């Protein structure tokens, strides 16, 4: 659909109104697109060489939508914490998430405070009559710095002022909420410094390094000294963890546990300081338990039903897709006994196959996008994999919307899959990472894009609100 055709439709929804106030000679012009892209690059909104947002519209959700997502997301996050505490006492339950021996060793180290995930994120698809979650990133997810910065850029656009003549607009102060959560974990750990030094730790070569610089600047503006460093820069003398000549009180760990396991010598100082409880590390190394994609198998497997209240079981049934670790085993599907391998092999259009622990869409096979031969080959390959476990998950409904997108041929209206991913900071929803994709996988690493998310409502009289973060 062309932009002019969309503008001819009588505005009704927030998206319709936004499209209607885009001016052909301004917001839809090559000059505006170039300027917006330059502004994103200047604000470090890049993933490698690509800008995060080639789109010219935010994602809008209502107050009711926000409440609906908040209730379910916060419940799932709390169930994750419950499963961590229970699994560390129950080997049979822990086995259901398929940690490898080194991951289990790290998970059993006492972190000094209770919460496994200070920062986490769920991937969700929000539809008018449904809300379903695809997976839980319980391990220091990327993007909150990018999301807040991108929202600020869109909030300052002249088109937003015209949009606000019809709608109230609210954005999310993600950086302040993240900092509050990190400091709360530090205090729970026993930290007493009135001015703790935070180290954001990950490999210098990762494409998200620009986000660490954004977060560093925001934290320091909020009054907390922050440095960004590589795990190889860390030094531990048996009492103090340090980098760049400074003692570190709190590690905001963005280096993944997979890398800690794969590169132990380079991460030795971090792990030794964590084990000695010489520094607070968030997220703790126990977050790997709910981070595994098999966490949804724990939630949906009927043998674990006694772990949850009737209300929680109903919420799981409505919002968490049936998931199982792949194997030639007996299980249940919708309360009926089935041979798992035979069942998913014969119903490929109903299932997705995923590695139990990976990111960026790596290794994911959508059964409905393969033929029978390809699906069977992928199942066999996963079964033969001795290095990692795999899960199968029931297909869920996804959301699609029309977004104006910058292309080499100018701005075009594109039908995009919309993945709205709520951030949870110490179990409380704080905002969203919203990703768009033309394919069945919505993530930045597989070529998807990002847009800011705003809560909107009809404006009732008066002038637009002062445009600042709420």
Protein backbone atom coordinates (compact mmCIF):
# COMPACT_ATOMS: atom_id res chain seq x y z
CA UNK A 1 0.00 0.00 0.00
CA UNK A 2 1.37 3.44 -0.91
CA UNK A 3 1.75 6.26 1.63
CA UNK A 4 -0.74 8.41 -0.28
CA UNK A 5 -3.32 5.62 -0.27
CA UNK A 6 -2.89 5.16 3.46
CA UNK A 7 -3.34 8.89 4.10
CA UNK A 8 -6.63 8.83 2.21
CA UNK A 9 -8.13 6.46 4.80
CA UNK A 10 -10.13 8.21 7.52
CA UNK A 11 -7.83 8.31 10.57
CA UNK A 12 -9.02 6.19 13.48
CA UNK A 13 -6.31 4.18 15.19
CA UNK A 14 -3.07 5.74 16.47
CA UNK A 15 -1.21 4.17 13.54
CA UNK A 16 -3.72 5.64 11.06
CA UNK A 17 -3.35 9.08 12.60
CA UNK A 18 0.45 8.88 12.54
CA UNK A 19 0.43 7.86 8.88
CA UNK A 20 -1.99 10.67 8.06
CA UNK A 21 0.24 13.38 9.56
CA UNK A 22 3.39 12.25 7.74
CA UNK A 23 4.04 14.94 5.12
CA UNK A 24 5.17 13.79 1.64
CA UNK A 25 7.58 16.70 1.26
CA UNK A 26 9.02 16.36 4.78
CA UNK A 27 8.90 13.06 6.72
CA UNK A 28 8.54 10.94 3.58
CA UNK A 29 11.34 12.73 1.72
CA UNK A 30 14.85 11.37 1.13
CA UNK A 31 16.33 14.37 2.95
CA UNK A 32 14.37 13.67 6.13
CA UNK A 33 15.27 9.97 6.05
CA UNK A 34 18.95 10.82 5.63
CA UNK A 35 18.79 13.29 8.51
CA UNK A 36 17.01 10.80 10.78
CA UNK A 37 19.58 8.11 9.96
CA UNK A 38 22.41 10.53 10.71
CA UNK A 39 20.80 11.40 14.04
CA UNK A 40 20.65 7.71 14.96
CA UNK A 41 24.30 7.19 14.07
CA UNK A 42 25.27 10.20 16.15
CA UNK A 43 23.32 8.71 19.07
CA UNK A 44 25.15 5.33 18.66
CA UNK A 45 21.95 3.58 17.50
CA UNK A 46 23.84 1.12 15.35
CA UNK A 47 24.32 -2.62 15.31
CA UNK A 48 27.64 -3.04 13.59
CA UNK A 49 27.23 -0.73 10.59
CA UNK A 50 23.42 -0.82 10.39
CA UNK A 51 21.12 1.71 12.02
CA UNK A 52 18.57 0.15 14.33
CA UNK A 53 15.47 1.77 12.93
CA UNK A 54 14.81 2.19 9.19
CA UNK A 55 11.13 2.75 10.04
CA UNK A 56 9.20 6.02 10.32
CA UNK A 57 6.59 5.05 12.89
CA UNK A 58 6.70 3.89 16.52
CA UNK A 59 4.71 0.97 17.86
CA UNK A 60 1.67 2.08 19.84
CA UNK A 61 -0.02 0.23 22.66
CA UNK A 62 -2.91 1.24 24.87
CA UNK A 63 -2.99 1.44 28.66
CA UNK A 64 -5.10 -1.72 28.58
CA UNK A 65 -2.50 -3.48 26.41
CA UNK A 66 0.24 -2.45 28.83
CA UNK A 67 -1.66 -3.80 31.84
CA UNK A 68 -2.33 -7.06 30.02
CA UNK A 69 1.35 -7.58 29.17
CA UNK A 70 2.54 -6.44 32.60
CA UNK A 71 0.40 -8.93 34.53
CA UNK A 72 1.56 -11.94 32.52
CA UNK A 73 5.20 -10.91 32.09
CA UNK A 74 5.72 -10.21 35.78
CA UNK A 75 4.13 -13.54 36.69
CA UNK A 76 6.41 -15.45 34.31
CA UNK A 77 9.46 -13.64 35.71
CA UNK A 78 8.47 -14.61 39.25
CA UNK A 79 7.94 -18.21 38.15
CA UNK A 80 11.48 -18.11 36.78
CA UNK A 81 12.80 -17.12 40.19
CA UNK A 82 10.75 -19.87 41.83
CA UNK A 83 12.08 -22.49 39.43
CA UNK A 84 15.67 -21.41 40.17
CA UNK A 85 15.20 -21.77 43.92
CA UNK A 86 13.37 -25.08 43.58
CA UNK A 87 15.65 -26.63 40.95
CA UNK A 88 18.78 -26.02 43.01
CA UNK A 89 17.23 -28.26 45.68
CA UNK A 90 15.68 -30.81 43.27
CA UNK A 91 18.07 -32.49 40.82
CA UNK A 92 15.21 -34.01 38.77
CA UNK A 93 13.74 -30.57 38.14
CA UNK A 94 17.12 -29.05 37.35
CA UNK A 95 17.70 -31.80 34.78
CA UNK A 96 14.63 -30.63 32.89
CA UNK A 97 16.37 -27.46 31.72
CA UNK A 98 19.45 -29.39 30.53
CA UNK A 99 22.34 -27.38 31.95
CA UNK A 100 25.74 -28.73 31.04
CA UNK A 101 28.06 -29.66 33.96
CA UNK A 102 30.00 -26.37 33.95
CA UNK A 103 26.79 -24.31 33.79
CA UNK A 104 25.49 -26.25 36.77
CA UNK A 105 28.74 -25.69 38.67
CA UNK A 106 28.46 -21.94 38.09
CA UNK A 107 24.76 -21.94 38.99
CA UNK A 108 25.51 -23.58 42.33
CA UNK A 109 27.92 -20.82 43.35
CA UNK A 110 26.32 -18.62 45.99
CA UNK A 111 25.92 -15.12 44.48
CA UNK A 112 25.20 -13.39 47.79
CA UNK A 113 21.64 -12.32 47.00
CA UNK A 114 18.45 -14.12 46.08
CA UNK A 115 17.28 -12.88 42.70
CA UNK A 116 18.75 -14.70 39.69
CA UNK A 117 17.73 -12.09 37.10
CA UNK A 118 18.14 -8.43 37.94
CA UNK A 119 17.40 -7.61 34.27
CA UNK A 120 15.49 -9.90 31.93
CA UNK A 121 13.25 -9.74 28.88
CA UNK A 122 10.40 -11.78 27.45
CA UNK A 123 9.60 -12.04 23.74
CA UNK A 124 5.87 -11.57 23.14
CA UNK A 125 3.25 -11.27 20.43
CA UNK A 126 0.39 -9.01 21.43
CA UNK A 127 -2.87 -9.34 19.50
CA UNK A 128 -6.35 -7.94 20.26
CA UNK A 129 -7.60 -11.31 21.49
CA UNK A 130 -4.35 -13.06 22.43
CA UNK A 131 -1.01 -12.61 24.17
CA UNK A 132 1.65 -15.27 23.80
CA UNK A 133 5.31 -15.42 24.76
CA UNK A 134 7.91 -17.16 22.64
CA UNK A 135 10.84 -17.31 25.10
CA UNK A 136 12.47 -15.77 28.15
CA UNK A 137 15.83 -14.02 28.01
CA UNK A 138 16.76 -14.21 31.67
CA UNK A 139 20.42 -13.33 31.12
CA UNK A 140 21.19 -9.58 30.89
CA UNK A 141 19.35 -8.89 27.63
CA UNK A 142 20.57 -6.27 25.21
CA UNK A 143 18.75 -3.17 24.11
CA UNK A 144 17.40 -1.04 26.97
CA UNK A 145 19.85 1.79 26.25
CA UNK A 146 19.04 1.66 22.56
CA UNK A 147 15.28 1.56 23.23
CA UNK A 148 15.25 4.64 25.46
CA UNK A 149 17.49 6.64 23.13
CA UNK A 150 15.42 5.75 20.07
CA UNK A 151 12.23 6.75 21.88
CA UNK A 152 13.75 10.13 22.75
CA UNK A 153 14.62 10.76 19.10
CA UNK A 154 11.06 9.97 17.95
CA UNK A 155 9.56 11.98 20.81
CA UNK A 156 11.43 15.07 19.59
CA UNK A 157 10.27 14.83 15.95
CA UNK A 158 7.88 17.58 14.74
CA UNK A 159 5.47 14.88 13.56
CA UNK A 160 5.06 13.81 17.20
CA UNK A 161 3.71 17.24 18.12
CA UNK A 162 1.02 16.92 15.44
CA UNK A 163 0.24 13.38 16.61
CA UNK A 164 -0.12 14.60 20.20
CA UNK A 165 -2.98 16.86 19.16
CA UNK A 166 -5.03 13.66 19.06
CA UNK A 167 -3.28 11.34 21.54
CA UNK A 168 -1.48 11.46 24.85
CA UNK A 169 1.93 9.81 24.66
CA UNK A 170 4.02 8.13 27.36
CA UNK A 171 7.50 6.66 27.04
CA UNK A 172 9.61 4.56 29.41
CA UNK A 173 12.60 5.78 31.51
CA UNK A 174 14.46 2.51 31.07
CA UNK A 175 17.90 3.64 32.18
CA UNK A 176 16.75 4.99 35.54
CA UNK A 177 14.75 1.82 36.17
CA UNK A 178 17.70 -0.40 35.23
CA UNK A 179 20.05 1.53 37.49
CA UNK A 180 17.58 1.31 40.39
CA UNK A 181 17.37 -2.48 39.88
CA UNK A 182 21.15 -2.92 39.76
CA UNK A 183 21.62 -0.87 42.92
CA UNK A 184 18.83 -2.80 44.67
CA UNK A 185 20.63 -6.07 43.91
CA UNK A 186 23.87 -4.51 45.14
CA UNK A 187 22.24 -3.50 48.44
CA UNK A 188 20.67 -6.95 48.84
CA UNK A 189 24.10 -8.48 48.21
CA UNK A 190 25.38 -6.42 51.13
CA UNK A 191 26.93 -3.49 49.31
CA UNK A 192 27.40 -0.48 51.55
CA UNK A 193 29.21 2.03 49.35
CA UNK A 194 27.22 5.24 49.01
CA UNK A 195 28.88 5.75 45.62
CA UNK A 196 29.46 2.27 44.13
CA UNK A 197 31.47 1.94 40.94
CA UNK A 198 29.68 -0.05 38.22
CA UNK A 199 31.54 -1.95 35.49
CA UNK A 200 29.65 -2.92 32.34
CA UNK A 201 31.52 -6.05 31.24
CA UNK A 202 31.53 -7.67 27.80
CA UNK A 203 33.92 -8.36 24.94
CA UNK A 204 35.18 -5.20 23.26
CA UNK A 205 34.44 -6.64 19.81
CA UNK A 206 30.70 -7.23 20.33
CA UNK A 207 28.41 -5.14 18.06
CA UNK A 208 26.47 -3.88 21.09
CA UNK A 209 29.49 -2.03 22.55
CA UNK A 210 27.85 1.23 21.45
CA UNK A 211 24.97 0.50 23.82
CA UNK A 212 27.36 0.12 26.74
CA UNK A 213 28.62 3.63 26.03
CA UNK A 214 25.03 4.90 26.03
CA UNK A 215 24.33 3.21 29.37
CA UNK A 216 27.60 4.45 30.85
CA UNK A 217 26.71 8.05 29.96
CA UNK A 218 23.18 7.69 31.38
CA UNK A 219 24.34 6.11 34.64
CA UNK A 220 26.99 8.79 35.15
CA UNK A 221 24.41 11.50 34.45
CA UNK A 222 22.34 9.88 37.20
CA UNK A 223 25.30 10.20 39.55
CA UNK A 224 26.86 6.72 39.49
CA UNK A 225 30.47 6.22 38.36
CA UNK A 226 30.50 3.67 35.53
CA UNK A 227 33.18 2.15 33.35
CA UNK A 228 32.96 -0.15 30.34
CA UNK A 229 35.51 -2.94 30.14
CA UNK A 230 36.38 -6.25 28.59
CA UNK A 231 36.58 -9.37 30.84
CA UNK A 232 40.27 -9.56 29.89
CA UNK A 233 40.86 -6.20 31.60
CA UNK A 234 39.61 -7.43 34.98
CA UNK A 235 42.10 -8.12 37.76
CA UNK A 236 41.35 -9.92 41.03
CA UNK A 237 43.88 -9.95 43.89
CA UNK A 238 41.86 -12.17 46.21
CA UNK A 239 39.99 -9.27 47.80
CA UNK A 240 39.22 -6.66 45.15
CA UNK A 241 38.08 -6.77 41.52
CA UNK A 242 39.51 -3.90 39.50
CA UNK A 243 39.85 -2.60 35.96
CA UNK A 244 41.35 0.53 34.43
CA UNK A 245 42.91 1.33 37.81
CA UNK A 246 39.57 1.43 39.64
CA UNK A 247 38.01 -0.84 42.25
CA UNK A 248 34.70 -2.29 41.07
CA UNK A 249 31.74 -2.69 43.43
CA UNK A 250 29.07 -3.91 41.01
CA UNK A 251 29.39 -5.74 37.69
CA UNK A 252 26.57 -5.24 35.20
CA UNK A 253 27.37 -8.48 33.42
CA UNK A 254 26.67 -8.45 29.73
CA UNK A 255 29.23 -11.14 28.89
CA UNK A 256 27.23 -14.34 28.42
CA UNK A 257 27.61 -17.45 30.53
CA UNK A 258 28.17 -19.36 27.28
CA UNK A 259 31.32 -17.28 26.77
CA UNK A 260 32.37 -17.65 30.40
CA UNK A 261 32.20 -21.42 29.90
CA UNK A 262 33.89 -21.35 26.49
CA UNK A 263 36.68 -18.90 27.46
CA UNK A 264 37.42 -19.70 31.12
CA UNK A 265 40.94 -18.27 31.26
CA UNK A 266 39.80 -14.89 29.95
CA UNK A 267 36.91 -14.78 32.43
CA UNK A 268 38.80 -16.22 35.39
CA UNK A 269 39.09 -12.95 37.33
CA UNK A 270 35.35 -12.32 37.06
CA UNK A 271 34.39 -15.83 38.16
CA UNK A 272 36.91 -15.93 41.03
CA UNK A 273 35.70 -12.58 42.37
CA UNK A 274 32.08 -13.71 42.04
CA UNK A 275 32.77 -16.99 43.84
CA UNK A 276 34.65 -15.17 46.61
CA UNK A 277 31.74 -12.71 46.88
CA UNK A 278 34.21 -9.88 46.49
CA UNK A 279 31.92 -8.14 44.00
CA UNK A 280 28.21 -8.09 43.25
CA UNK A 281 27.48 -9.49 39.79
CA UNK A 282 24.13 -8.96 38.10
CA UNK A 283 22.70 -11.00 36.61
CA UNK A 284 23.92 -13.82 38.81
CA UNK A 285 25.18 -16.99 37.18
CA UNK A 286 21.99 -18.74 38.33
CA UNK A 287 19.98 -16.92 35.68
CA UNK A 288 20.98 -19.62 33.19
CA UNK A 289 18.29 -21.89 34.66
CA UNK A 290 15.25 -19.88 33.46
CA UNK A 291 17.21 -18.57 30.47
CA UNK A 292 17.24 -21.99 28.83
CA UNK A 293 14.41 -22.36 26.34
CA UNK A 294 13.47 -25.56 28.16
CA UNK A 295 12.23 -23.29 30.98
CA UNK A 296 8.97 -23.13 29.01
CA UNK A 297 8.98 -26.93 28.97
CA UNK A 298 9.15 -26.87 32.77
CA UNK A 299 6.18 -24.50 32.86
CA UNK A 300 4.04 -26.49 30.40
CA UNK A 301 4.87 -30.05 31.45
CA UNK A 302 1.99 -31.57 33.45
CA UNK A 303 4.38 -33.43 35.74
CA UNK A 304 5.29 -30.04 37.26
CA UNK A 305 1.75 -28.81 37.81
CA UNK A 306 2.03 -28.94 41.60
CA UNK A 307 4.69 -26.23 41.46
CA UNK A 308 2.04 -23.71 40.41
CA UNK A 309 -1.25 -22.40 41.76
CA UNK A 310 -4.47 -22.95 39.77
CA UNK A 311 -4.35 -19.29 38.63
CA UNK A 312 -0.74 -19.68 37.51
CA UNK A 313 -1.55 -22.89 35.63
CA UNK A 314 -4.33 -21.08 33.79
CA UNK A 315 -2.01 -18.19 32.92
CA UNK A 316 0.62 -20.62 31.63
CA UNK A 317 -1.94 -22.45 29.51
CA UNK A 318 -3.16 -19.23 27.92
CA UNK A 319 0.13 -17.43 27.36
CA UNK A 320 3.06 -19.89 27.28
CA UNK A 321 3.38 -22.21 24.26
CA UNK A 322 3.67 -25.94 24.85
CA UNK A 323 7.40 -26.76 24.79
CA UNK A 324 9.47 -29.93 25.24
CA UNK A 325 13.10 -30.97 25.15
CA UNK A 326 13.44 -32.96 21.93
CA UNK A 327 13.87 -36.69 22.40
CA UNK A 328 12.43 -40.07 21.49
CA UNK A 329 10.28 -40.12 24.64
CA UNK A 330 6.71 -40.27 25.84
CA UNK A 331 5.06 -37.06 26.99
CA UNK A 332 1.67 -35.36 26.97
CA UNK A 333 0.14 -32.88 24.55
CA UNK A 334 -3.06 -31.18 25.69
CA UNK A 335 -3.34 -33.81 28.46
CA UNK A 336 -3.10 -36.69 25.99
CA UNK A 337 -0.15 -39.15 25.98
CA UNK A 338 1.97 -38.96 22.82
CA UNK A 339 5.24 -40.25 21.43
CA UNK A 340 7.04 -36.92 21.19
CA UNK A 341 9.27 -37.53 18.18
CA UNK A 342 6.56 -39.22 16.16
CA UNK A 343 4.06 -36.51 17.06
CA UNK A 344 6.16 -33.49 16.05
CA UNK A 345 7.55 -35.25 12.98
CA UNK A 346 4.05 -35.73 11.59
CA UNK A 347 2.83 -32.19 12.39
CA UNK A 348 5.67 -29.96 11.24
CA UNK A 349 3.40 -26.98 10.40
CA UNK A 350 2.44 -26.76 14.08
CA UNK A 351 5.95 -26.61 15.56
CA UNK A 352 9.25 -24.75 15.71
CA UNK A 353 12.60 -26.37 16.51
CA UNK A 354 15.13 -24.34 18.54
CA UNK A 355 18.49 -24.91 20.23
CA UNK A 356 17.96 -24.90 23.98
CA UNK A 357 20.42 -22.05 24.44
CA UNK A 358 21.32 -19.67 21.64
CA UNK A 359 20.41 -16.17 20.56
CA UNK A 360 19.76 -14.09 17.44
CA UNK A 361 17.54 -16.75 15.90
CA UNK A 362 20.54 -19.04 15.34
CA UNK A 363 19.52 -22.59 14.51
CA UNK A 364 15.77 -21.95 14.63
CA UNK A 365 13.70 -23.96 12.13
CA UNK A 366 10.08 -23.00 11.49
CA UNK A 367 8.29 -26.19 10.57
CA UNK A 368 5.70 -24.39 8.43
CA UNK A 369 8.49 -22.94 6.27
CA UNK A 370 10.07 -26.33 5.49
CA UNK A 371 8.97 -29.39 3.59
CA UNK A 372 8.65 -32.83 5.19
CA UNK A 373 12.12 -33.95 4.13
CA UNK A 374 13.80 -30.82 5.50
CA UNK A 375 11.87 -31.01 8.77
CA UNK A 376 12.79 -34.66 9.32
CA UNK A 377 16.44 -33.90 8.55
CA UNK A 378 16.48 -31.03 11.07
CA UNK A 379 14.93 -33.24 13.75
CA UNK A 380 17.52 -35.94 13.13
CA UNK A 381 20.35 -33.42 13.21
CA UNK A 382 19.11 -32.08 16.53
CA UNK A 383 18.74 -35.56 18.01
CA UNK A 384 22.32 -36.38 16.99
CA UNK A 385 23.74 -33.19 18.51
CA UNK A 386 25.94 -34.22 21.44
CA UNK A 387 27.01 -30.67 22.25
CA UNK A 388 23.65 -29.13 23.12
CA UNK A 389 19.98 -29.91 23.70
CA UNK A 390 17.10 -28.80 21.47
CA UNK A 391 13.46 -27.97 22.11
CA UNK A 392 10.29 -28.17 20.06
CA UNK A 393 7.61 -25.58 20.67
CA UNK A 394 4.06 -25.19 19.49
CA UNK A 395 3.50 -22.52 16.87
CA UNK A 396 1.96 -19.32 18.20
CA UNK A 397 -0.01 -16.53 16.59
CA UNK A 398 2.07 -13.50 15.60
CA UNK A 399 1.21 -9.85 15.06
CA UNK A 400 1.74 -8.01 11.80
CA UNK A 401 1.30 -4.31 11.05
CA UNK A 402 2.01 -1.85 8.26
CA UNK A 403 5.03 0.42 8.85
CA UNK A 404 6.57 3.10 6.63
CA UNK A 405 10.13 1.96 5.92
CA UNK A 406 13.14 3.64 4.36
CA UNK A 407 14.33 1.73 1.29
CA UNK A 408 16.59 2.45 -1.67
CA UNK A 409 13.41 3.17 -3.64
CA UNK A 410 12.14 5.68 -1.08
CA UNK A 411 9.68 5.25 1.77
CA UNK A 412 7.45 2.22 1.27
CA UNK A 413 4.67 0.76 3.37
CA UNK A 414 5.74 -2.70 4.50
CA UNK A 415 3.84 -5.47 6.26
CA UNK A 416 6.02 -6.39 9.25
CA UNK A 417 5.97 -8.96 12.02
CA UNK A 418 5.91 -7.17 15.40
CA UNK A 419 7.65 -8.71 18.42
CA UNK A 420 7.09 -6.63 21.55
CA UNK A 421 9.50 -7.72 24.27
CA UNK A 422 8.91 -6.41 27.80
CA UNK A 423 11.92 -5.70 30.00
CA UNK A 424 11.70 -6.90 33.61
CA UNK A 425 13.96 -5.24 36.15
CA UNK A 426 13.91 -7.25 39.39
CA UNK A 427 10.67 -8.77 38.19
CA UNK A 428 8.85 -5.52 37.40
CA UNK A 429 8.03 -4.51 33.84
CA UNK A 430 9.86 -1.33 32.89
CA UNK A 431 9.40 -0.91 29.14
CA UNK A 432 9.83 -2.67 25.81
CA UNK A 433 12.20 -3.65 23.05
CA UNK A 434 10.03 -3.69 19.90
CA UNK A 435 11.42 -5.47 16.84
CA UNK A 436 10.08 -5.70 13.31
CA UNK A 437 10.84 -8.27 10.65
CA UNK A 438 9.53 -9.25 7.24
CA UNK A 439 10.34 -12.89 8.07
CA UNK A 440 9.22 -15.26 10.81
CA UNK A 441 12.19 -14.31 13.03
CA UNK A 442 12.23 -10.92 14.74
CA UNK A 443 15.69 -10.04 16.01
CA UNK A 444 18.42 -7.57 15.17
CA UNK A 445 21.09 -10.19 14.50
CA UNK A 446 19.00 -11.86 11.79
CA UNK A 447 18.40 -8.57 9.98
CA UNK A 448 15.34 -7.25 11.77
CA UNK A 449 14.79 -3.65 12.79
CA UNK A 450 13.67 -1.84 15.91
CA UNK A 451 11.10 0.85 16.69
CA UNK A 452 10.30 2.65 19.93
CA UNK A 453 7.16 1.72 21.87
CA UNK A 454 4.84 4.36 23.30
CA UNK A 455 1.72 4.01 25.42
CA UNK A 456 -0.99 6.19 23.88
CA UNK A 457 -4.54 7.17 24.70
CA UNK A 458 -7.16 9.57 23.35
CA UNK A 459 -6.50 13.17 24.32
CA UNK A 460 -9.44 14.66 26.21
CA UNK A 461 -9.31 18.48 25.97
CA UNK A 462 -6.37 20.69 26.91
CA UNK A 463 -3.06 21.13 25.22
CA UNK A 464 -0.57 18.31 24.62
CA UNK A 465 1.47 17.26 27.64
CA UNK A 466 4.95 18.59 28.08
CA UNK A 467 7.04 16.21 26.03
CA UNK A 468 9.40 14.53 28.47
CA UNK A 469 9.82 10.97 29.78
CA UNK A 470 7.01 9.97 32.14
